[in-house]
Amino acid sequence: MRTLMYLCTALAVIGLAYWAYRQNYQTQEAIAEVRELHREIGRAHQRLGVLRAEWAYLNRPDRLRDLADLNYDRLGLLPLMPEAFADVERVNFPLPTFSHITDPVQISHEDGMEFP
């Protein structure tokens, strides 16, 4: 009986050691994957910073003005004149639509006065 108990205990210890060994390597793989993901995120942030800097560089007003001057005829642009702009008062904004009241409610006050 003792031998069976020792054998079961030894098998349990071997099984738990194997399980702990596998868990250790799975954990190390997960940590390595997380580190790689952090490196990728860092590289993506660097690329994004470079792209934002390039976008700002390409959208400089003096560069855009020069491009507009070079391609003026081909784009069919009109020169910017102060007369081309209007006041806000001259803009026709759409009027809000209100639904008509079809069945008005009569409200009477406690003293007998009625309100339309």
Protein backbone atom coordinates (compact mmCIF):
# COMPACT_ATOMS: atom_id res chain seq x y z
CA MET A 1 0.00 0.00 0.00
CA ARG A 2 2.85 2.33 0.87
CA THR A 3 4.55 1.60 -2.42
CA LEU A 4 1.39 2.53 -4.32
CA MET A 5 1.17 5.77 -2.35
CA TYR A 6 4.82 6.61 -3.08
CA LEU A 7 4.33 5.77 -6.74
CA CYS A 8 1.22 8.01 -6.98
CA THR A 9 3.02 10.82 -5.16
CA ALA A 10 6.06 10.51 -7.46
CA LEU A 11 3.82 10.51 -10.55
CA ALA A 12 1.96 13.57 -9.22
CA VAL A 13 5.25 15.39 -8.60
CA ILE A 14 6.50 14.50 -12.11
CA GLY A 15 3.20 15.61 -13.64
CA LEU A 16 3.24 18.92 -11.74
CA ALA A 17 6.88 19.49 -12.67
CA TYR A 18 6.03 18.92 -16.35
CA TRP A 19 3.05 21.30 -16.08
CA ALA A 20 5.18 24.00 -14.37
CA TYR A 21 7.90 23.55 -17.03
CA ARG A 22 5.34 24.06 -19.84
CA GLN A 23 3.77 27.06 -18.09
CA ASN A 24 7.19 28.63 -17.65
CA TYR A 25 7.99 28.38 -21.36
CA GLN A 26 4.51 29.57 -22.39
CA THR A 27 4.94 32.58 -20.10
CA GLN A 28 8.37 33.35 -21.56
CA GLU A 29 6.92 33.14 -25.09
CA ALA A 30 4.08 35.50 -24.11
CA ILE A 31 6.55 37.97 -22.57
CA ALA A 32 8.70 37.87 -25.71
CA GLU A 33 5.61 38.47 -27.86
CA VAL A 34 4.59 41.44 -25.70
CA ARG A 35 8.10 42.90 -25.98
CA GLU A 36 7.97 42.54 -29.77
CA LEU A 37 4.56 44.22 -29.85
CA HIS A 38 5.93 47.11 -27.76
CA ARG A 39 8.83 47.47 -30.20
CA GLU A 40 6.38 47.51 -33.13
CA ILE A 41 4.26 50.14 -31.39
CA GLY A 42 7.37 52.25 -30.81
CA ARG A 43 8.37 51.96 -34.47
CA ALA A 44 4.82 52.86 -35.52
CA HIS A 45 4.90 55.96 -33.28
CA GLN A 46 8.22 56.98 -34.83
CA ARG A 47 6.83 56.49 -38.36
CA LEU A 48 3.74 58.49 -37.40
CA GLY A 49 5.91 61.33 -36.10
CA VAL A 50 7.92 61.35 -39.34
CA LEU A 51 4.73 61.31 -41.42
CA ARG A 52 3.26 64.20 -39.44
CA ALA A 53 6.47 66.19 -39.91
CA GLU A 54 6.43 65.45 -43.66
CA TRP A 55 2.77 66.47 -43.87
CA ALA A 56 3.50 69.75 -42.10
CA TYR A 57 6.48 70.33 -44.39
CA LEU A 58 4.44 69.66 -47.53
CA ASN A 59 1.58 71.91 -46.39
CA ARG A 60 3.69 75.01 -45.81
CA PRO A 61 1.75 78.06 -47.04
CA ASP A 62 4.66 79.35 -49.13
CA ARG A 63 5.06 75.97 -50.87
CA LEU A 64 1.31 75.71 -51.55
CA ARG A 65 1.30 79.27 -52.88
CA ASP A 66 4.17 78.43 -55.25
CA LEU A 67 2.39 75.27 -56.43
CA ALA A 68 -0.80 77.21 -57.01
CA ASP A 69 1.13 79.79 -59.04
CA LEU A 70 2.83 77.08 -61.12
CA ASN A 71 -0.44 75.28 -61.86
CA TYR A 72 -2.64 78.36 -62.08
CA ASP A 73 -3.72 77.88 -65.70
CA ARG A 74 -4.09 74.12 -65.54
CA LEU A 75 -6.26 74.21 -62.40
CA GLY A 76 -8.38 77.11 -63.59
CA LEU A 77 -8.01 78.99 -60.33
CA LEU A 78 -9.30 82.49 -59.79
CA PRO A 79 -7.22 85.09 -57.97
CA LEU A 80 -8.23 85.78 -54.40
CA MET A 81 -9.76 89.20 -54.21
CA PRO A 82 -11.38 90.88 -51.20
CA GLU A 83 -14.55 91.32 -53.23
CA ALA A 84 -14.87 87.54 -53.58
CA PHE A 85 -15.87 87.21 -49.95
CA ALA A 86 -19.31 88.09 -48.59
CA ASP A 87 -20.64 89.12 -45.23
CA VAL A 88 -22.35 86.54 -43.09
CA GLU A 89 -25.58 88.53 -43.29
CA ARG A 90 -25.73 87.82 -47.04
CA VAL A 91 -25.65 84.05 -46.61
CA ASN A 92 -29.06 82.41 -47.03
CA PHE A 93 -29.34 79.94 -44.20
CA PRO A 94 -32.30 77.52 -44.39
CA LEU A 95 -35.17 78.48 -42.14
CA PRO A 96 -36.29 75.96 -39.53
CA THR A 97 -39.53 74.21 -40.34
CA PHE A 98 -42.24 74.19 -37.70
CA SER A 99 -45.17 71.85 -37.72
CA HIS A 100 -48.58 73.49 -37.57
CA ILE A 101 -50.75 72.97 -34.52
CA THR A 102 -53.83 71.13 -35.72
CA ASP A 103 -55.65 70.49 -32.45
CA PRO A 104 -55.01 73.24 -29.85
CA VAL A 105 -55.55 72.48 -26.17
CA GLN A 106 -57.68 74.84 -24.04
CA ILE A 107 -56.23 75.46 -20.59
CA SER A 108 -58.39 76.95 -17.87
CA HIS A 109 -57.14 78.49 -14.69
CA GLU A 110 -58.65 77.82 -11.26
CA ASP A 111 -60.43 81.18 -11.22
CA GLY A 112 -62.27 80.31 -14.42
CA MET A 113 -60.10 82.26 -16.85
CA GLU A 114 -59.37 80.45 -20.07
CA PHE A 115 -56.20 80.74 -22.05
CA PRO A 116 -56.08 79.99 -25.78
